Amino acid sequence: MDIKKLQALVIDALEDVKAQDIRIYDTTHLTSMFDSIVVASGTSNRQTKALAASVRDKVKAAGGDIVSMEGENTGEWVLVDLGDMVVHIMQPAIRAYYRLEELWGDKEIPLAEAKGGKETRRAGVRKATKPSMAESGPASAAQTSKPGSKRPAKAASKVAATKTAKKTAAKTAAKAAAKNSAKSGTATAGKSPAKSTLKSAVKKTVKTAAKKATKQAAPKRAAAKG
Protein backbone atom coordinates (compact mmCIF):
# COMPACT_ATOMS: atom_id res chain seq x y z
CA MET A 1 0.00 0.00 0.00
CA ASP A 2 1.18 3.52 -0.77
CA ILE A 3 2.73 5.15 2.32
CA LYS A 4 0.61 8.30 2.00
CA LYS A 5 -2.60 6.29 1.86
CA LEU A 6 -1.43 4.24 4.83
CA GLN A 7 -0.70 7.40 6.82
CA ALA A 8 -4.16 8.80 6.09
CA LEU A 9 -5.83 5.52 7.15
CA VAL A 10 -3.90 5.36 10.43
CA ILE A 11 -4.61 8.98 11.36
CA ASP A 12 -8.33 8.53 10.62
CA ALA A 13 -8.42 5.32 12.67
CA LEU A 14 -6.78 7.03 15.66
CA GLU A 15 -9.02 10.09 15.46
CA ASP A 16 -12.13 7.87 15.32
CA VAL A 17 -11.34 6.63 18.86
CA LYS A 18 -10.23 10.08 20.15
CA ALA A 19 -6.49 9.51 20.37
CA GLN A 20 -4.54 12.33 22.00
CA ASP A 21 -1.41 14.16 20.78
CA ILE A 22 -1.00 12.28 17.49
CA ARG A 23 2.45 12.74 15.96
CA ILE A 24 3.88 11.25 12.77
CA TYR A 25 7.55 11.22 11.75
CA ASP A 26 9.46 10.42 8.56
CA THR A 27 12.19 7.86 9.37
CA THR A 28 13.55 7.06 5.89
CA HIS A 29 16.82 8.88 6.68
CA LEU A 30 17.29 6.92 9.93
CA THR A 31 16.44 3.32 9.03
CA SER A 32 15.52 1.11 6.09
CA MET A 33 13.18 -1.05 8.19
CA PHE A 34 10.18 1.31 7.93
CA ASP A 35 9.36 4.67 6.37
CA SER A 36 7.52 6.36 9.23
CA ILE A 37 6.28 5.96 12.77
CA VAL A 38 3.19 7.28 14.52
CA VAL A 39 3.04 8.03 18.24
CA ALA A 40 -0.32 8.62 19.96
CA SER A 41 -1.67 8.57 23.51
CA GLY A 42 -4.61 6.79 25.11
CA THR A 43 -5.83 7.68 28.60
CA SER A 44 -6.52 4.11 29.74
CA ASN A 45 -5.79 0.45 28.98
CA ARG A 46 -9.18 0.14 27.34
CA GLN A 47 -8.61 3.12 25.06
CA THR A 48 -5.12 2.05 23.95
CA LYS A 49 -6.47 -1.38 23.03
CA ALA A 50 -9.42 0.19 21.20
CA LEU A 51 -7.07 2.51 19.29
CA ALA A 52 -4.86 -0.39 18.21
CA ALA A 53 -7.91 -2.40 17.12
CA SER A 54 -9.23 0.58 15.14
CA VAL A 55 -5.91 0.91 13.26
CA ARG A 56 -5.77 -2.83 12.58
CA ASP A 57 -9.35 -3.05 11.30
CA LYS A 58 -9.21 0.05 9.10
CA VAL A 59 -5.90 -0.91 7.46
CA LYS A 60 -7.03 -4.52 6.93
CA ALA A 61 -10.33 -3.36 5.42
CA ALA A 62 -8.39 -1.21 2.93
CA GLY A 63 -6.26 -4.17 1.85
CA GLY A 64 -3.17 -3.36 3.93
CA ASP A 65 -0.97 -5.85 5.77
CA ILE A 66 -0.78 -6.24 9.56
CA VAL A 67 2.67 -7.67 10.33
CA SER A 68 2.19 -7.95 14.08
CA MET A 69 0.64 -6.43 17.21
CA GLU A 70 2.33 -6.34 20.61
CA GLY A 71 1.37 -5.15 24.10
CA GLU A 72 -2.37 -5.81 23.92
CA ASN A 73 -2.31 -7.78 27.17
CA THR A 74 -1.29 -4.87 29.39
CA GLY A 75 -2.48 -1.97 27.24
CA GLU A 76 0.17 0.40 28.53
CA TRP A 77 2.06 0.40 25.22
CA VAL A 78 0.53 -1.24 22.16
CA LEU A 79 2.64 -1.50 19.01
CA VAL A 80 1.05 -2.11 15.60
CA ASP A 81 3.56 -3.10 12.90
CA LEU A 82 2.21 -2.27 9.42
CA GLY A 83 5.45 -2.99 7.53
CA ASP A 84 6.24 0.47 6.10
CA MET A 85 4.86 2.11 9.24
CA VAL A 86 4.97 1.35 12.96
CA VAL A 87 2.25 2.76 15.23
CA HIS A 88 3.02 3.26 18.94
CA ILE A 89 -0.06 3.77 21.13
CA MET A 90 1.00 4.63 24.68
CA GLN A 91 -0.39 5.87 27.94
CA PRO A 92 0.92 9.38 28.85
CA ALA A 93 3.26 8.24 31.66
CA ILE A 94 4.87 5.54 29.48
CA ARG A 95 5.20 7.98 26.59
CA ALA A 96 6.87 10.60 28.77
CA TYR A 97 9.30 8.01 30.13
CA TYR A 98 10.48 6.47 26.84
CA ARG A 99 10.41 9.68 24.74
CA LEU A 100 10.22 8.09 21.32
CA GLU A 101 9.95 11.54 19.75
CA GLU A 102 13.56 12.25 20.72
CA LEU A 103 14.72 9.07 18.95
CA TRP A 104 12.69 9.32 15.74
CA GLY A 105 11.42 12.91 15.67
CA ASP A 106 13.93 14.60 13.34
CA LYS A 107 11.37 15.06 10.55
CA GLU A 108 7.81 15.55 11.76
CA ILE A 109 5.04 15.34 9.15
CA PRO A 110 2.09 17.74 9.70
CA LEU A 111 -1.20 15.95 10.31
CA ALA A 112 -2.91 17.82 7.46
CA GLU A 113 -0.24 16.59 5.07
CA ALA A 114 -0.41 13.05 6.46
CA LYS A 115 -4.15 12.99 5.87
CA GLY A 116 -3.63 13.95 2.24
CA GLY A 117 -3.81 17.74 2.66
CA LYS A 118 -7.63 17.68 2.58
CA GLU A 119 -7.99 20.38 5.24
CA THR A 120 -5.44 22.64 3.55
CA ARG A 121 -7.13 22.31 0.15
CA ARG A 122 -10.59 23.02 1.56
CA ALA A 123 -9.28 26.12 3.35
CA GLY A 124 -7.62 27.30 0.12
CA VAL A 125 -10.86 26.86 -1.84
CA ARG A 126 -12.87 28.80 0.74
CA LYS A 127 -10.32 31.60 0.77
CA ALA A 128 -10.20 31.80 -3.04
CA THR A 129 -13.96 31.76 -3.55
CA LYS A 130 -14.84 34.23 -0.81
CA PRO A 131 -14.72 37.81 -2.22
CA SER A 132 -13.01 40.48 -0.19
CA MET A 133 -14.74 43.71 0.82
CA ALA A 134 -12.27 45.74 -1.25
CA GLU A 135 -13.10 43.76 -4.40
CA SER A 136 -16.83 43.45 -3.88
CA GLY A 137 -17.50 47.09 -3.04
CA PRO A 138 -20.59 48.55 -1.33
CA ALA A 139 -23.10 46.72 -3.55
CA SER A 140 -21.65 43.29 -2.75
CA ALA A 141 -21.38 44.16 0.93
CA ALA A 142 -25.10 44.94 0.95
CA GLN A 143 -25.86 41.64 -0.78
CA THR A 144 -23.78 39.59 1.68
CA SER A 145 -25.46 41.12 4.73
CA LYS A 146 -27.63 38.76 6.75
CA PRO A 147 -31.28 38.60 5.68
CA GLY A 148 -32.52 39.16 9.21
CA SER A 149 -30.33 42.15 9.87
CA LYS A 150 -32.23 45.39 10.55
CA ARG A 151 -29.23 47.71 10.48
CA PRO A 152 -29.03 48.30 6.69
CA ALA A 153 -32.79 49.01 6.55
CA LYS A 154 -32.57 51.41 9.48
CA ALA A 155 -29.61 53.23 7.96
CA ALA A 156 -31.37 53.56 4.58
CA SER A 157 -34.59 54.84 6.13
CA LYS A 158 -32.67 57.33 8.27
CA VAL A 159 -30.84 58.73 5.21
CA ALA A 160 -34.09 58.98 3.23
CA ALA A 161 -35.85 60.73 6.12
CA THR A 162 -32.98 63.21 6.48
CA LYS A 163 -33.02 64.06 2.76
CA THR A 164 -36.80 64.54 2.76
CA ALA A 165 -36.62 66.77 5.85
CA LYS A 166 -33.91 68.92 4.28
CA LYS A 167 -35.86 69.37 1.05
CA THR A 168 -39.06 70.28 2.89
CA ALA A 169 -37.20 72.68 5.17
CA ALA A 170 -35.51 74.36 2.20
CA LYS A 171 -38.82 74.89 0.38
CA THR A 172 -40.50 76.23 3.50
CA ALA A 173 -37.55 78.53 4.16
CA ALA A 174 -37.62 79.93 0.63
CA LYS A 175 -41.34 80.70 0.86
CA ALA A 176 -41.01 82.28 4.31
CA ALA A 177 -38.03 84.35 3.22
CA ALA A 178 -39.93 85.70 0.21
CA LYS A 179 -42.94 86.68 2.37
CA ASN A 180 -40.80 88.30 5.06
CA SER A 181 -38.84 90.26 2.48
CA ALA A 182 -42.03 91.53 0.86
CA LYS A 183 -43.52 92.61 4.20
CA SER A 184 -40.42 94.38 5.49
CA GLY A 185 -40.02 96.31 2.28
CA THR A 186 -36.56 94.99 1.53
CA ALA A 187 -37.72 94.04 -1.93
CA THR A 188 -39.04 96.53 -4.44
CA ALA A 189 -42.02 95.82 -6.71
CA GLY A 190 -41.16 93.58 -9.68
CA LYS A 191 -37.75 92.62 -8.18
CA SER A 192 -36.67 89.50 -6.23
CA PRO A 193 -35.38 89.83 -2.61
CA ALA A 194 -31.68 90.41 -2.07
CA LYS A 195 -29.56 87.23 -2.08
CA SER A 196 -27.98 87.87 1.31
CA THR A 197 -31.35 88.36 3.01
CA LEU A 198 -32.76 85.24 1.34
CA LYS A 199 -29.77 83.09 2.34
CA SER A 200 -29.90 84.27 5.94
CA ALA A 201 -33.61 83.60 6.20
CA VAL A 202 -33.24 80.18 4.55
CA LYS A 203 -30.47 79.13 6.94
CA LYS A 204 -32.45 80.23 9.97
CA THR A 205 -35.58 78.40 8.85
CA VAL A 206 -33.62 75.24 7.93
CA LYS A 207 -32.00 75.13 11.38
CA THR A 208 -35.36 75.55 13.09
CA ALA A 209 -36.93 72.82 10.91
CA ALA A 210 -34.00 70.48 11.56
CA LYS A 211 -34.31 70.93 15.33
CA LYS A 212 -38.03 70.19 15.21
CA ALA A 213 -37.45 67.10 13.04
CA THR A 214 -34.82 65.84 15.48
CA LYS A 215 -37.11 66.29 18.49
CA GLN A 216 -39.96 64.51 16.73
CA ALA A 217 -37.74 61.61 15.58
CA ALA A 218 -36.14 61.03 19.02
CA PRO A 219 -39.18 59.34 20.66
CA LYS A 220 -39.68 57.13 17.57
CA ARG A 221 -36.06 55.91 17.68
CA ALA A 222 -36.32 55.24 21.42
CA ALA A 223 -39.52 53.24 20.87
CA ALA A 224 -37.93 51.28 18.00
CA LYS A 225 -34.90 50.37 20.15
CA GLY A 226 -37.12 49.34 23.01
C-alpha atoms as a PDB file:
ATOM      1  CA  MET A   1       0.000   0.000   0.000  1.00  0.00           C
ATOM      2  CA  ASP A   2       1.179   3.522  -0.770  1.00  0.00           C
ATOM      3  CA  ILE A   3       2.727   5.152   2.320  1.00  0.00           C
ATOM      4  CA  LYS A   4       0.606   8.303   1.996  1.00  0.00           C
ATOM      5  CA  LYS A   5      -2.600   6.295   1.856  1.00  0.00           C
ATOM      6  CA  LEU A   6      -1.426   4.240   4.832  1.00  0.00           C
ATOM      7  CA  GLN A   7      -0.699   7.404   6.819  1.00  0.00           C
ATOM      8  CA  ALA A   8      -4.158   8.798   6.087  1.00  0.00           C
ATOM      9  CA  LEU A   9      -5.828   5.519   7.147  1.00  0.00           C
ATOM     10  CA  VAL A  10      -3.899   5.361  10.428  1.00  0.00           C
ATOM     11  CA  ILE A  11      -4.606   8.980  11.360  1.00  0.00           C
ATOM     12  CA  ASP A  12      -8.329   8.528  10.622  1.00  0.00           C
ATOM     13  CA  ALA A  13      -8.422   5.317  12.672  1.00  0.00           C
ATOM     14  CA  LEU A  14      -6.778   7.028  15.658  1.00  0.00           C
ATOM     15  CA  GLU A  15      -9.023  10.092  15.456  1.00  0.00           C
ATOM     16  CA  ASP A  16     -12.128   7.870  15.318  1.00  0.00           C
ATOM     17  CA  VAL A  17     -11.336   6.631  18.858  1.00  0.00           C
ATOM     18  CA  LYS A  18     -10.234  10.081  20.147  1.00  0.00           C
ATOM     19  CA  ALA A  19      -6.486   9.508  20.369  1.00  0.00           C
ATOM     20  CA  GLN A  20      -4.542  12.332  22.003  1.00  0.00           C
ATOM     21  CA  ASP A  21      -1.408  14.158  20.776  1.00  0.00           C
ATOM     22  CA  ILE A  22      -1.003  12.276  17.493  1.00  0.00           C
ATOM     23  CA  ARG A  23       2.454  12.743  15.965  1.00  0.00           C
ATOM     24  CA  ILE A  24       3.879  11.253  12.767  1.00  0.00           C
ATOM     25  CA  TYR A  25       7.549  11.221  11.753  1.00  0.00           C
ATOM     26  CA  ASP A  26       9.456  10.422   8.556  1.00  0.00           C
ATOM     27  CA  THR A  27      12.192   7.859   9.371  1.00  0.00           C
ATOM     28  CA  THR A  28      13.553   7.059   5.891  1.00  0.00           C
ATOM     29  CA  HIS A  29      16.816   8.882   6.680  1.00  0.00           C
ATOM     30  CA  LEU A  30      17.293   6.925   9.931  1.00  0.00           C
ATOM     31  CA  THR A  31      16.438   3.315   9.030  1.00  0.00           C
ATOM     32  CA  SER A  32      15.524   1.108   6.094  1.00  0.00           C
ATOM     33  CA  MET A  33      13.183  -1.054   8.192  1.00  0.00           C
ATOM     34  CA  PHE A  34      10.183   1.308   7.933  1.00  0.00           C
ATOM     35  CA  ASP A  35       9.361   4.666   6.372  1.00  0.00           C
ATOM     36  CA  SER A  36       7.521   6.361   9.226  1.00  0.00           C
ATOM     37  CA  ILE A  37       6.278   5.964  12.766  1.00  0.00           C
ATOM     38  CA  VAL A  38       3.188   7.285  14.518  1.00  0.00           C
ATOM     39  CA  VAL A  39       3.042   8.035  18.242  1.00  0.00           C
ATOM     40  CA  ALA A  40      -0.316   8.616  19.958  1.00  0.00           C
ATOM     41  CA  SER A  41      -1.670   8.570  23.512  1.00  0.00           C
ATOM     42  CA  GLY A  42      -4.611   6.785  25.111  1.00  0.00           C
ATOM     43  CA  THR A  43      -5.826   7.677  28.596  1.00  0.00           C
ATOM     44  CA  SER A  44      -6.524   4.106  29.744  1.00  0.00           C
ATOM     45  CA  ASN A  45      -5.790   0.449  28.980  1.00  0.00           C
ATOM     46  CA  ARG A  46      -9.176   0.136  27.341  1.00  0.00           C
ATOM     47  CA  GLN A  47      -8.613   3.116  25.060  1.00  0.00           C
ATOM     48  CA  THR A  48      -5.118   2.053  23.955  1.00  0.00           C
ATOM     49  CA  LYS A  49      -6.471  -1.379  23.025  1.00  0.00           C
ATOM     50  CA  ALA A  50      -9.425   0.193  21.198  1.00  0.00           C
ATOM     51  CA  LEU A  51      -7.072   2.509  19.291  1.00  0.00           C
ATOM     52  CA  ALA A  52      -4.863  -0.388  18.207  1.00  0.00           C
ATOM     53  CA  ALA A  53      -7.915  -2.401  17.123  1.00  0.00           C
ATOM     54  CA  SER A  54      -9.229   0.585  15.139  1.00  0.00           C
ATOM     55  CA  VAL A  55      -5.912   0.911  13.263  1.00  0.00           C
ATOM     56  CA  ARG A  56      -5.774  -2.825  12.581  1.00  0.00           C
ATOM     57  CA  ASP A  57      -9.351  -3.045  11.303  1.00  0.00           C
ATOM     58  CA  LYS A  58      -9.209   0.049   9.100  1.00  0.00           C
ATOM     59  CA  VAL A  59      -5.901  -0.908   7.458  1.00  0.00           C
ATOM     60  CA  LYS A  60      -7.027  -4.517   6.927  1.00  0.00           C
ATOM     61  CA  ALA A  61     -10.331  -3.355   5.416  1.00  0.00           C
ATOM     62  CA  ALA A  62      -8.389  -1.206   2.932  1.00  0.00           C
ATOM     63  CA  GLY A  63      -6.261  -4.174   1.851  1.00  0.00           C
ATOM     64  CA  GLY A  64      -3.167  -3.362   3.931  1.00  0.00           C
ATOM     65  CA  ASP A  65      -0.967  -5.855   5.775  1.00  0.00           C
ATOM     66  CA  ILE A  66      -0.781  -6.240   9.557  1.00  0.00           C
ATOM     67  CA  VAL A  67       2.670  -7.667  10.326  1.00  0.00           C
ATOM     68  CA  SER A  68       2.192  -7.950  14.079  1.00  0.00           C
ATOM     69  CA  MET A  69       0.637  -6.425  17.210  1.00  0.00           C
ATOM     70  CA  GLU A  70       2.330  -6.336  20.608  1.00  0.00           C
ATOM     71  CA  GLY A  71       1.375  -5.151  24.098  1.00  0.00           C
ATOM     72  CA  GLU A  72      -2.374  -5.813  23.916  1.00  0.00           C
ATOM     73  CA  ASN A  73      -2.307  -7.777  27.168  1.00  0.00           C
ATOM     74  CA  THR A  74      -1.288  -4.871  29.394  1.00  0.00           C
ATOM     75  CA  GLY A  75      -2.483  -1.970  27.244  1.00  0.00           C
ATOM     76  CA  GLU A  76       0.171   0.404  28.528  1.00  0.00           C
ATOM     77  CA  TRP A  77       2.056   0.395  25.220  1.00  0.00           C
ATOM     78  CA  VAL A  78       0.530  -1.241  22.163  1.00  0.00           C
ATOM     79  CA  LEU A  79       2.644  -1.503  19.011  1.00  0.00           C
ATOM     80  CA  VAL A  80       1.051  -2.108  15.605  1.00  0.00           C
ATOM     81  CA  ASP A  81       3.555  -3.096  12.902  1.00  0.00           C
ATOM     82  CA  LEU A  82       2.210  -2.273   9.420  1.00  0.00           C
ATOM     83  CA  GLY A  83       5.446  -2.991   7.527  1.00  0.00           C
ATOM     84  CA  ASP A  84       6.238   0.466   6.104  1.00  0.00           C
ATOM     85  CA  MET A  85       4.862   2.111   9.238  1.00  0.00           C
ATOM     86  CA  VAL A  86       4.974   1.346  12.959  1.00  0.00           C
ATOM     87  CA  VAL A  87       2.253   2.756  15.231  1.00  0.00           C
ATOM     88  CA  HIS A  88       3.019   3.258  18.945  1.00  0.00           C
ATOM     89  CA  ILE A  89      -0.059   3.771  21.134  1.00  0.00           C
ATOM     90  CA  MET A  90       1.004   4.625  24.680  1.00  0.00           C
ATOM     91  CA  GLN A  91      -0.389   5.870  27.938  1.00  0.00           C
ATOM     92  CA  PRO A  92       0.918   9.376  28.849  1.00  0.00           C
ATOM     93  CA  ALA A  93       3.262   8.240  31.659  1.00  0.00           C
ATOM     94  CA  ILE A  94       4.871   5.540  29.485  1.00  0.00           C
ATOM     95  CA  ARG A  95       5.204   7.977  26.588  1.00  0.00           C
ATOM     96  CA  ALA A  96       6.866  10.598  28.770  1.00  0.00           C
ATOM     97  CA  TYR A  97       9.304   8.009  30.129  1.00  0.00           C
ATOM     98  CA  TYR A  98      10.476   6.468  26.837  1.00  0.00           C
ATOM     99  CA  ARG A  99      10.410   9.679  24.735  1.00  0.00           C
ATOM    100  CA  LEU A 100      10.218   8.085  21.316  1.00  0.00           C
ATOM    101  CA  GLU A 101       9.945  11.543  19.752  1.00  0.00           C
ATOM    102  CA  GLU A 102      13.557  12.246  20.723  1.00  0.00           C
ATOM    103  CA  LEU A 103      14.723   9.068  18.947  1.00  0.00           C
ATOM    104  CA  TRP A 104      12.691   9.323  15.743  1.00  0.00           C
ATOM    105  CA  GLY A 105      11.423  12.910  15.674  1.00  0.00           C
ATOM    106  CA  ASP A 106      13.934  14.604  13.342  1.00  0.00           C
ATOM    107  CA  LYS A 107      11.373  15.062  10.548  1.00  0.00           C
ATOM    108  CA  GLU A 108       7.805  15.552  11.757  1.00  0.00           C
ATOM    109  CA  ILE A 109       5.042  15.337   9.155  1.00  0.00           C
ATOM    110  CA  PRO A 110       2.091  17.742   9.704  1.00  0.00           C
ATOM    111  CA  LEU A 111      -1.204  15.947  10.312  1.00  0.00           C
ATOM    112  CA  ALA A 112      -2.913  17.818   7.462  1.00  0.00           C
ATOM    113  CA  GLU A 113      -0.242  16.593   5.072  1.00  0.00           C
ATOM    114  CA  ALA A 114      -0.405  13.050   6.463  1.00  0.00           C
ATOM    115  CA  LYS A 115      -4.152  12.994   5.867  1.00  0.00           C
ATOM    116  CA  GLY A 116      -3.629  13.948   2.241  1.00  0.00           C
ATOM    117  CA  GLY A 117      -3.813  17.736   2.656  1.00  0.00           C
ATOM    118  CA  LYS A 118      -7.630  17.680   2.578  1.00  0.00           C
ATOM    119  CA  GLU A 119      -7.990  20.378   5.245  1.00  0.00           C
ATOM    120  CA  THR A 120      -5.443  22.638   3.548  1.00  0.00           C
ATOM    121  CA  ARG A 121      -7.130  22.307   0.145  1.00  0.00           C
ATOM    122  CA  ARG A 122     -10.589  23.020   1.562  1.00  0.00           C
ATOM    123  CA  ALA A 123      -9.285  26.120   3.353  1.00  0.00           C
ATOM    124  CA  GLY A 124      -7.620  27.302   0.121  1.00  0.00           C
ATOM    125  CA  VAL A 125     -10.856  26.865  -1.844  1.00  0.00           C
ATOM    126  CA  ARG A 126     -12.871  28.798   0.742  1.00  0.00           C
ATOM    127  CA  LYS A 127     -10.318  31.598   0.767  1.00  0.00           C
ATOM    128  CA  ALA A 128     -10.199  31.801  -3.039  1.00  0.00           C
ATOM    129  CA  THR A 129     -13.960  31.765  -3.552  1.00  0.00           C
ATOM    130  CA  LYS A 130     -14.843  34.229  -0.806  1.00  0.00           C
ATOM    131  CA  PRO A 131     -14.715  37.808  -2.217  1.00  0.00           C
ATOM    132  CA  SER A 132     -13.012  40.480  -0.191  1.00  0.00           C
ATOM    133  CA  MET A 133     -14.735  43.714   0.820  1.00  0.00           C
ATOM    134  CA  ALA A 134     -12.273  45.740  -1.248  1.00  0.00           C
ATOM    135  CA  GLU A 135     -13.100  43.755  -4.398  1.00  0.00           C
ATOM    136  CA  SER A 136     -16.833  43.447  -3.878  1.00  0.00           C
ATOM    137  CA  GLY A 137     -17.498  47.092  -3.037  1.00  0.00           C
ATOM    138  CA  PRO A 138     -20.586  48.550  -1.327  1.00  0.00           C
ATOM    139  CA  ALA A 139     -23.096  46.717  -3.546  1.00  0.00           C
ATOM    140  CA  SER A 140     -21.647  43.290  -2.749  1.00  0.00           C
ATOM    141  CA  ALA A 141     -21.375  44.155   0.933  1.00  0.00           C
ATOM    142  CA  ALA A 142     -25.096  44.935   0.953  1.00  0.00           C
ATOM    143  CA  GLN A 143     -25.864  41.635  -0.776  1.00  0.00           C
ATOM    144  CA  THR A 144     -23.784  39.591   1.683  1.00  0.00           C
ATOM    145  CA  SER A 145     -25.462  41.118   4.734  1.00  0.00           C
ATOM    146  CA  LYS A 146     -27.630  38.765   6.754  1.00  0.00           C
ATOM    147  CA  PRO A 147     -31.284  38.597   5.677  1.00  0.00           C
ATOM    148  CA  GLY A 148     -32.516  39.165   9.208  1.00  0.00           C
ATOM    149  CA  SER A 149     -30.326  42.154   9.869  1.00  0.00           C
ATOM    150  CA  LYS A 150     -32.230  45.392  10.552  1.00  0.00           C
ATOM    151  CA  ARG A 151     -29.229  47.713  10.482  1.00  0.00           C
ATOM    152  CA  PRO A 152     -29.033  48.299   6.688  1.00  0.00           C
ATOM    153  CA  ALA A 153     -32.790  49.011   6.546  1.00  0.00           C
ATOM    154  CA  LYS A 154     -32.569  51.407   9.478  1.00  0.00           C
ATOM    155  CA  ALA A 155     -29.615  53.230   7.958  1.00  0.00           C
ATOM    156  CA  ALA A 156     -31.371  53.558   4.578  1.00  0.00           C
ATOM    157  CA  SER A 157     -34.592  54.844   6.135  1.00  0.00           C
ATOM    158  CA  LYS A 158     -32.667  57.326   8.271  1.00  0.00           C
ATOM    159  CA  VAL A 159     -30.843  58.728   5.212  1.00  0.00           C
ATOM    160  CA  ALA A 160     -34.091  58.979   3.231  1.00  0.00           C
ATOM    161  CA  ALA A 161     -35.847  60.732   6.119  1.00  0.00           C
ATOM    162  CA  THR A 162     -32.976  63.214   6.477  1.00  0.00           C
ATOM    163  CA  LYS A 163     -33.023  64.057   2.760  1.00  0.00           C
ATOM    164  CA  THR A 164     -36.796  64.538   2.764  1.00  0.00           C
ATOM    165  CA  ALA A 165     -36.621  66.767   5.845  1.00  0.00           C
ATOM    166  CA  LYS A 166     -33.905  68.918   4.278  1.00  0.00           C
ATOM    167  CA  LYS A 167     -35.863  69.365   1.046  1.00  0.00           C
ATOM    168  CA  THR A 168     -39.061  70.279   2.890  1.00  0.00           C
ATOM    169  CA  ALA A 169     -37.200  72.678   5.170  1.00  0.00           C
ATOM    170  CA  ALA A 170     -35.510  74.361   2.203  1.00  0.00           C
ATOM    171  CA  LYS A 171     -38.822  74.893   0.383  1.00  0.00           C
ATOM    172  CA  THR A 172     -40.499  76.235   3.495  1.00  0.00           C
ATOM    173  CA  ALA A 173     -37.553  78.534   4.161  1.00  0.00           C
ATOM    174  CA  ALA A 174     -37.625  79.925   0.626  1.00  0.00           C
ATOM    175  CA  LYS A 175     -41.342  80.701   0.864  1.00  0.00           C
ATOM    176  CA  ALA A 176     -41.006  82.277   4.310  1.00  0.00           C
ATOM    177  CA  ALA A 177     -38.032  84.355   3.216  1.00  0.00           C
ATOM    178  CA  ALA A 178     -39.932  85.699   0.212  1.00  0.00           C
ATOM    179  CA  LYS A 179     -42.942  86.681   2.372  1.00  0.00           C
ATOM    180  CA  ASN A 180     -40.801  88.301   5.057  1.00  0.00           C
ATOM    181  CA  SER A 181     -38.843  90.259   2.485  1.00  0.00           C
ATOM    182  CA  ALA A 182     -42.028  91.533   0.865  1.00  0.00           C
ATOM    183  CA  LYS A 183     -43.524  92.614   4.205  1.00  0.00           C
ATOM    184  CA  SER A 184     -40.424  94.379   5.490  1.00  0.00           C
ATOM    185  CA  GLY A 185     -40.022  96.312   2.276  1.00  0.00           C
ATOM    186  CA  THR A 186     -36.563  94.985   1.525  1.00  0.00           C
ATOM    187  CA  ALA A 187     -37.720  94.041  -1.932  1.00  0.00           C
ATOM    188  CA  THR A 188     -39.040  96.532  -4.444  1.00  0.00           C
ATOM    189  CA  ALA A 189     -42.019  95.818  -6.707  1.00  0.00           C
ATOM    190  CA  GLY A 190     -41.163  93.575  -9.680  1.00  0.00           C
ATOM    191  CA  LYS A 191     -37.749  92.623  -8.184  1.00  0.00           C
ATOM    192  CA  SER A 192     -36.675  89.500  -6.229  1.00  0.00           C
ATOM    193  CA  PRO A 193     -35.383  89.835  -2.607  1.00  0.00           C
ATOM    194  CA  ALA A 194     -31.678  90.412  -2.065  1.00  0.00           C
ATOM    195  CA  LYS A 195     -29.563  87.230  -2.085  1.00  0.00           C
ATOM    196  CA  SER A 196     -27.979  87.866   1.311  1.00  0.00           C
ATOM    197  CA  THR A 197     -31.348  88.359   3.006  1.00  0.00           C
ATOM    198  CA  LEU A 198     -32.759  85.236   1.339  1.00  0.00           C
ATOM    199  CA  LYS A 199     -29.767  83.091   2.343  1.00  0.00           C
ATOM    200  CA  SER A 200     -29.901  84.274   5.940  1.00  0.00           C
ATOM    201  CA  ALA A 201     -33.611  83.595   6.197  1.00  0.00           C
ATOM    202  CA  VAL A 202     -33.244  80.176   4.552  1.00  0.00           C
ATOM    203  CA  LYS A 203     -30.465  79.131   6.939  1.00  0.00           C
ATOM    204  CA  LYS A 204     -32.447  80.233   9.969  1.00  0.00           C
ATOM    205  CA  THR A 205     -35.576  78.402   8.851  1.00  0.00           C
ATOM    206  CA  VAL A 206     -33.622  75.235   7.930  1.00  0.00           C
ATOM    207  CA  LYS A 207     -31.997  75.133  11.378  1.00  0.00           C
ATOM    208  CA  THR A 208     -35.358  75.545  13.088  1.00  0.00           C
ATOM    209  CA  ALA A 209     -36.934  72.824  10.914  1.00  0.00           C
ATOM    210  CA  ALA A 210     -34.005  70.476  11.561  1.00  0.00           C
ATOM    211  CA  LYS A 211     -34.313  70.933  15.332  1.00  0.00           C
ATOM    212  CA  LYS A 212     -38.035  70.188  15.209  1.00  0.00           C
ATOM    213  CA  ALA A 213     -37.454  67.104  13.039  1.00  0.00           C
ATOM    214  CA  THR A 214     -34.817  65.837  15.477  1.00  0.00           C
ATOM    215  CA  LYS A 215     -37.109  66.293  18.489  1.00  0.00           C
ATOM    216  CA  GLN A 216     -39.957  64.512  16.727  1.00  0.00           C
ATOM    217  CA  ALA A 217     -37.737  61.611  15.585  1.00  0.00           C
ATOM    218  CA  ALA A 218     -36.143  61.028  19.023  1.00  0.00           C
ATOM    219  CA  PRO A 219     -39.178  59.342  20.660  1.00  0.00           C
ATOM    220  CA  LYS A 220     -39.675  57.128  17.568  1.00  0.00           C
ATOM    221  CA  ARG A 221     -36.058  55.912  17.680  1.00  0.00           C
ATOM    222  CA  ALA A 222     -36.324  55.242  21.417  1.00  0.00           C
ATOM    223  CA  ALA A 223     -39.522  53.244  20.865  1.00  0.00           C
ATOM    224  CA  ALA A 224     -37.930  51.283  18.003  1.00  0.00           C
ATOM    225  CA  LYS A 225     -34.896  50.365  20.155  1.00  0.00           C
ATOM    226  CA  GLY A 226     -37.123  49.339  23.013  1.00  0.00           C
END
